């Protein structure tokens, strides 16, 4: 049973994870310019006092 996991399931999960990450990174190329920029970060002091 453990051999099935090591030979088939785990490599499949690794490859699927890679392709999901590849699609997520590649999708940024098709977003409008204002959405592909990183989100603005507020200063930490402002977040502590809210």
PDB file of N, CA and C in Angstrom:
ATOM      1  N   UNK A   1       0.832  -1.204   0.000  1.00  0.00           N
ATOM      2  CA  UNK A   1       0.000   0.000   0.000  1.00  0.00           C
ATOM      3  C   UNK A   1       0.867   1.255   0.000  1.00  0.00           C
ATOM      4  N   UNK A   2       1.915   1.248   0.816  1.00  0.00           N
ATOM      5  CA  UNK A   2       2.780   2.427   0.895  1.00  0.00           C
ATOM      6  C   UNK A   2       3.540   2.635  -0.412  1.00  0.00           C
ATOM      7  N   UNK A   3       3.805   1.530  -1.122  1.00  0.00           N
ATOM      8  CA  UNK A   3       4.500   1.659  -2.411  1.00  0.00           C
ATOM      9  C   UNK A   3       3.621   2.349  -3.448  1.00  0.00           C
ATOM     10  N   UNK A   4       2.330   2.092  -3.389  1.00  0.00           N
ATOM     11  CA  UNK A   4       1.412   2.763  -4.317  1.00  0.00           C
ATOM     12  C   UNK A   4       1.424   4.262  -4.064  1.00  0.00           C
ATOM     13  N   UNK A   5       1.428   4.643  -2.792  1.00  0.00           N
ATOM     14  CA  UNK A   5       1.484   6.071  -2.461  1.00  0.00           C
ATOM     15  C   UNK A   5       2.774   6.698  -2.961  1.00  0.00           C
ATOM     16  N   UNK A   6       3.891   6.016  -2.749  1.00  0.00           N
ATOM     17  CA  UNK A   6       5.186   6.575  -3.117  1.00  0.00           C
ATOM     18  C   UNK A   6       5.393   6.597  -4.626  1.00  0.00           C
ATOM     19  N   UNK A   7       4.835   5.652  -5.340  1.00  0.00           N
ATOM     20  CA  UNK A   7       5.082   5.568  -6.774  1.00  0.00           C
ATOM     21  C   UNK A   7       4.082   6.351  -7.604  1.00  0.00           C
ATOM     22  N   UNK A   8       2.857   6.494  -7.146  1.00  0.00           N
ATOM     23  CA  UNK A   8       1.825   7.093  -7.976  1.00  0.00           C
ATOM     24  C   UNK A   8       1.193   8.342  -7.381  1.00  0.00           C
ATOM     25  N   UNK A   9       0.773   8.272  -6.150  1.00  0.00           N
ATOM     26  CA  UNK A   9      -0.025   9.347  -5.560  1.00  0.00           C
ATOM     27  C   UNK A   9       0.830  10.573  -5.267  1.00  0.00           C
ATOM     28  N   UNK A  10       1.938  10.416  -4.570  1.00  0.00           N
ATOM     29  CA  UNK A  10       2.766  11.564  -4.212  1.00  0.00           C
ATOM     30  C   UNK A  10       3.362  12.278  -5.428  1.00  0.00           C
ATOM     31  N   UNK A  11       3.911  11.562  -6.408  1.00  0.00           N
ATOM     32  CA  UNK A  11       4.379  12.277  -7.604  1.00  0.00           C
ATOM     33  C   UNK A  11       3.250  13.008  -8.335  1.00  0.00           C
ATOM     34  N   UNK A  12       2.070  12.415  -8.355  1.00  0.00           N
ATOM     35  CA  UNK A  12       0.929  13.075  -8.997  1.00  0.00           C
ATOM     36  C   UNK A  12       0.565  14.356  -8.257  1.00  0.00           C
ATOM     37  N   UNK A  13       0.575  14.328  -6.921  1.00  0.00           N
ATOM     38  CA  UNK A  13       0.290  15.526  -6.143  1.00  0.00           C
ATOM     39  C   UNK A  13       1.346  16.607  -6.372  1.00  0.00           C
ATOM     40  N   UNK A  14       2.598  16.211  -6.491  1.00  0.00           N
ATOM     41  CA  UNK A  14       3.670  17.180  -6.736  1.00  0.00           C
ATOM     42  C   UNK A  14       3.494  17.827  -8.102  1.00  0.00           C
ATOM     43  N   UNK A  15       3.195  17.036  -9.111  1.00  0.00           N
ATOM     44  CA  UNK A  15       3.012  17.576 -10.463  1.00  0.00           C
ATOM     45  C   UNK A  15       1.772  18.469 -10.515  1.00  0.00           C
ATOM     46  N   UNK A  16       0.693  18.062  -9.875  1.00  0.00           N
ATOM     47  CA  UNK A  16      -0.515  18.894  -9.850  1.00  0.00           C
ATOM     48  C   UNK A  16      -0.266  20.219  -9.131  1.00  0.00           C
ATOM     49  N   UNK A  17       0.478  20.172  -8.033  1.00  0.00           N
ATOM     50  CA  UNK A  17       0.815  21.400  -7.320  1.00  0.00           C
ATOM     51  C   UNK A  17       1.637  22.328  -8.210  1.00  0.00           C
ATOM     52  N   UNK A  18       2.590  21.778  -8.936  1.00  0.00           N
ATOM     53  CA  UNK A  18       3.403  22.569  -9.858  1.00  0.00           C
ATOM     54  C   UNK A  18       2.540  23.225 -10.921  1.00  0.00           C
ATOM     55  N   UNK A  19       1.615  22.479 -11.513  1.00  0.00           N
ATOM     56  CA  UNK A  19       0.779  23.045 -12.575  1.00  0.00           C
ATOM     57  C   UNK A  19      -0.191  24.091 -12.035  1.00  0.00           C
ATOM     58  N   UNK A  20      -0.704  23.910 -10.834  1.00  0.00           N
ATOM     59  CA  UNK A  20      -1.569  24.933 -10.239  1.00  0.00           C
ATOM     60  C   UNK A  20      -0.780  26.214 -10.018  1.00  0.00           C
ATOM     61  N   UNK A  21       0.445  26.095  -9.522  1.00  0.00           N
ATOM     62  CA  UNK A  21       1.284  27.276  -9.324  1.00  0.00           C
ATOM     63  C   UNK A  21       1.628  27.922 -10.663  1.00  0.00           C
ATOM     64  N   UNK A  22       1.891  27.124 -11.674  1.00  0.00           N
ATOM     65  CA  UNK A  22       2.207  27.649 -13.003  1.00  0.00           C
ATOM     66  C   UNK A  22       1.025  28.414 -13.590  1.00  0.00           C
ATOM     67  N   UNK A  23      -0.171  27.884 -13.440  1.00  0.00           N
ATOM     68  CA  UNK A  23      -1.365  28.565 -13.942  1.00  0.00           C
ATOM     69  C   UNK A  23      -1.609  29.855 -13.174  1.00  0.00           C
ATOM     70  N   UNK A  24      -1.408  29.824 -11.858  1.00  0.00           N
ATOM     71  CA  UNK A  24      -1.627  31.028 -11.057  1.00  0.00           C
ATOM     72  C   UNK A  24      -0.658  32.131 -11.432  1.00  0.00           C
ATOM     73  N   UNK A  25       0.589  31.795 -11.675  1.00  0.00           N
ATOM     74  CA  UNK A  25       1.583  32.795 -12.051  1.00  0.00           C
ATOM     75  C   UNK A  25       1.339  33.272 -13.478  1.00  0.00           C
ATOM     76  N   UNK A  26       0.985  32.374 -14.369  1.00  0.00           N
ATOM     77  CA  UNK A  26       0.762  32.751 -15.763  1.00  0.00           C
ATOM     78  C   UNK A  26      -0.500  33.586 -15.935  1.00  0.00           C
ATOM     79  N   UNK A  27      -1.469  33.413 -15.063  1.00  0.00           N
ATOM     80  CA  UNK A  27      -2.728  34.151 -15.188  1.00  0.00           C
ATOM     81  C   UNK A  27      -2.517  35.646 -14.991  1.00  0.00           C
ATOM     82  N   UNK A  28      -1.462  36.031 -14.296  1.00  0.00           N
ATOM     83  CA  UNK A  28      -1.204  37.460 -14.084  1.00  0.00           C
ATOM     84  C   UNK A  28      -0.938  38.178 -15.393  1.00  0.00           C
ATOM     85  N   UNK A  29      -0.457  37.490 -16.403  1.00  0.00           N
ATOM     86  CA  UNK A  29      -0.175  38.117 -17.696  1.00  0.00           C
ATOM     87  C   UNK A  29      -1.460  38.548 -18.386  1.00  0.00           C
ATOM     88  N   UNK A  30      -2.580  37.926 -18.057  1.00  0.00           N
ATOM     89  CA  UNK A  30      -3.844  38.225 -18.722  1.00  0.00           C
ATOM     90  C   UNK A  30      -4.734  39.164 -17.918  1.00  0.00           C
ATOM     91  N   UNK A  31      -4.292  39.563 -16.724  1.00  0.00           N
ATOM     92  CA  UNK A  31      -5.064  40.501 -15.914  1.00  0.00           C
ATOM     93  C   UNK A  31      -4.858  41.922 -16.424  1.00  0.00           C
ATOM     94  N   UNK A  32      -5.830  42.794 -16.194  1.00  0.00           N
ATOM     95  CA  UNK A  32      -5.597  44.204 -16.516  1.00  0.00           C
ATOM     96  C   UNK A  32      -4.410  44.740 -15.718  1.00  0.00           C
ATOM     97  N   UNK A  33      -3.784  45.802 -16.228  1.00  0.00           N
ATOM     98  CA  UNK A  33      -2.568  46.315 -15.610  1.00  0.00           C
ATOM     99  C   UNK A  33      -2.772  46.723 -14.152  1.00  0.00           C
ATOM    100  N   UNK A  34      -3.927  47.299 -13.829  1.00  0.00           N
ATOM    101  CA  UNK A  34      -4.119  47.744 -12.449  1.00  0.00           C
ATOM    102  C   UNK A  34      -4.331  46.583 -11.482  1.00  0.00           C
ATOM    103  N   UNK A  35      -4.731  45.417 -11.996  1.00  0.00           N
ATOM    104  CA  UNK A  35      -4.947  44.266 -11.117  1.00  0.00           C
ATOM    105  C   UNK A  35      -3.696  43.399 -10.978  1.00  0.00           C
ATOM    106  N   UNK A  36      -2.748  43.517 -11.900  1.00  0.00           N
ATOM    107  CA  UNK A  36      -1.574  42.651 -11.841  1.00  0.00           C
ATOM    108  C   UNK A  36      -0.500  43.192 -10.910  1.00  0.00           C
ATOM    109  N   UNK A  37      -0.661  44.420 -10.437  1.00  0.00           N
ATOM    110  CA  UNK A  37       0.306  44.980  -9.494  1.00  0.00           C
ATOM    111  C   UNK A  37       0.084  44.375  -8.110  1.00  0.00           C
ATOM    112  N   UNK A  38       1.125  44.347  -7.302  1.00  0.00           N
ATOM    113  CA  UNK A  38       0.943  43.843  -5.931  1.00  0.00           C
ATOM    114  C   UNK A  38      -0.022  44.727  -5.142  1.00  0.00           C
ATOM    115  N   UNK A  39      -0.671  44.135  -4.180  1.00  0.00           N
ATOM    116  CA  UNK A  39      -1.612  44.891  -3.351  1.00  0.00           C
ATOM    117  C   UNK A  39      -0.854  45.895  -2.496  1.00  0.00           C
ATOM    118  N   UNK A  40      -1.431  47.079  -2.278  1.00  0.00           N
ATOM    119  CA  UNK A  40      -0.747  48.053  -1.418  1.00  0.00           C
ATOM    120  C   UNK A  40      -0.707  47.571   0.030  1.00  0.00           C
ATOM    121  N   UNK A  41       0.364  47.904   0.706  1.00  0.00           N
ATOM    122  CA  UNK A  41       0.560  47.489   2.093  1.00  0.00           C
ATOM    123  C   UNK A  41       0.478  48.724   2.974  1.00  0.00           C
ATOM    124  N   UNK A  42      -0.385  48.661   3.979  1.00  0.00           N
ATOM    125  CA  UNK A  42      -0.494  49.765   4.914  1.00  0.00           C
ATOM    126  C   UNK A  42       0.614  49.648   5.958  1.00  0.00           C
ATOM    127  N   UNK A  43       1.052  50.760   6.507  1.00  0.00           N
ATOM    128  CA  UNK A  43       2.064  50.687   7.579  1.00  0.00           C
ATOM    129  C   UNK A  43       1.531  49.887   8.775  1.00  0.00           C
ATOM    130  N   UNK A  44       2.415  49.200   9.459  1.00  0.00           N
ATOM    131  CA  UNK A  44       2.014  48.330  10.573  1.00  0.00           C
ATOM    132  C   UNK A  44       1.393  49.141  11.716  1.00  0.00           C
ATOM    133  N   UNK A  45       1.864  50.361  11.941  1.00  0.00           N
ATOM    134  CA  UNK A  45       1.345  51.170  13.039  1.00  0.00           C
ATOM    135  C   UNK A  45      -0.126  51.502  12.810  1.00  0.00           C
ATOM    136  N   UNK A  46      -0.511  51.707  11.582  1.00  0.00           N
ATOM    137  CA  UNK A  46      -1.905  52.033  11.281  1.00  0.00           C
ATOM    138  C   UNK A  46      -2.775  50.807  11.570  1.00  0.00           C
ATOM    139  N   UNK A  47      -2.299  49.636  11.249  1.00  0.00           N
ATOM    140  CA  UNK A  47      -3.091  48.421  11.484  1.00  0.00           C
ATOM    141  C   UNK A  47      -3.228  48.113  12.979  1.00  0.00           C
ATOM    142  N   UNK A  48      -2.227  48.473  13.779  1.00  0.00           N
ATOM    143  CA  UNK A  48      -2.301  48.184  15.215  1.00  0.00           C
ATOM    144  C   UNK A  48      -3.318  49.041  15.935  1.00  0.00           C
ATOM    145  N   UNK A  49      -3.534  50.258  15.464  1.00  0.00           N
ATOM    146  CA  UNK A  49      -4.395  51.194  16.199  1.00  0.00           C
ATOM    147  C   UNK A  49      -5.815  51.221  15.688  1.00  0.00           C
ATOM    148  N   UNK A  50      -6.190  50.391  14.742  1.00  0.00           N
ATOM    149  CA  UNK A  50      -7.567  50.393  14.232  1.00  0.00           C
ATOM    150  C   UNK A  50      -8.461  49.530  15.071  1.00  0.00           C
TER     151      UNK A  50
END
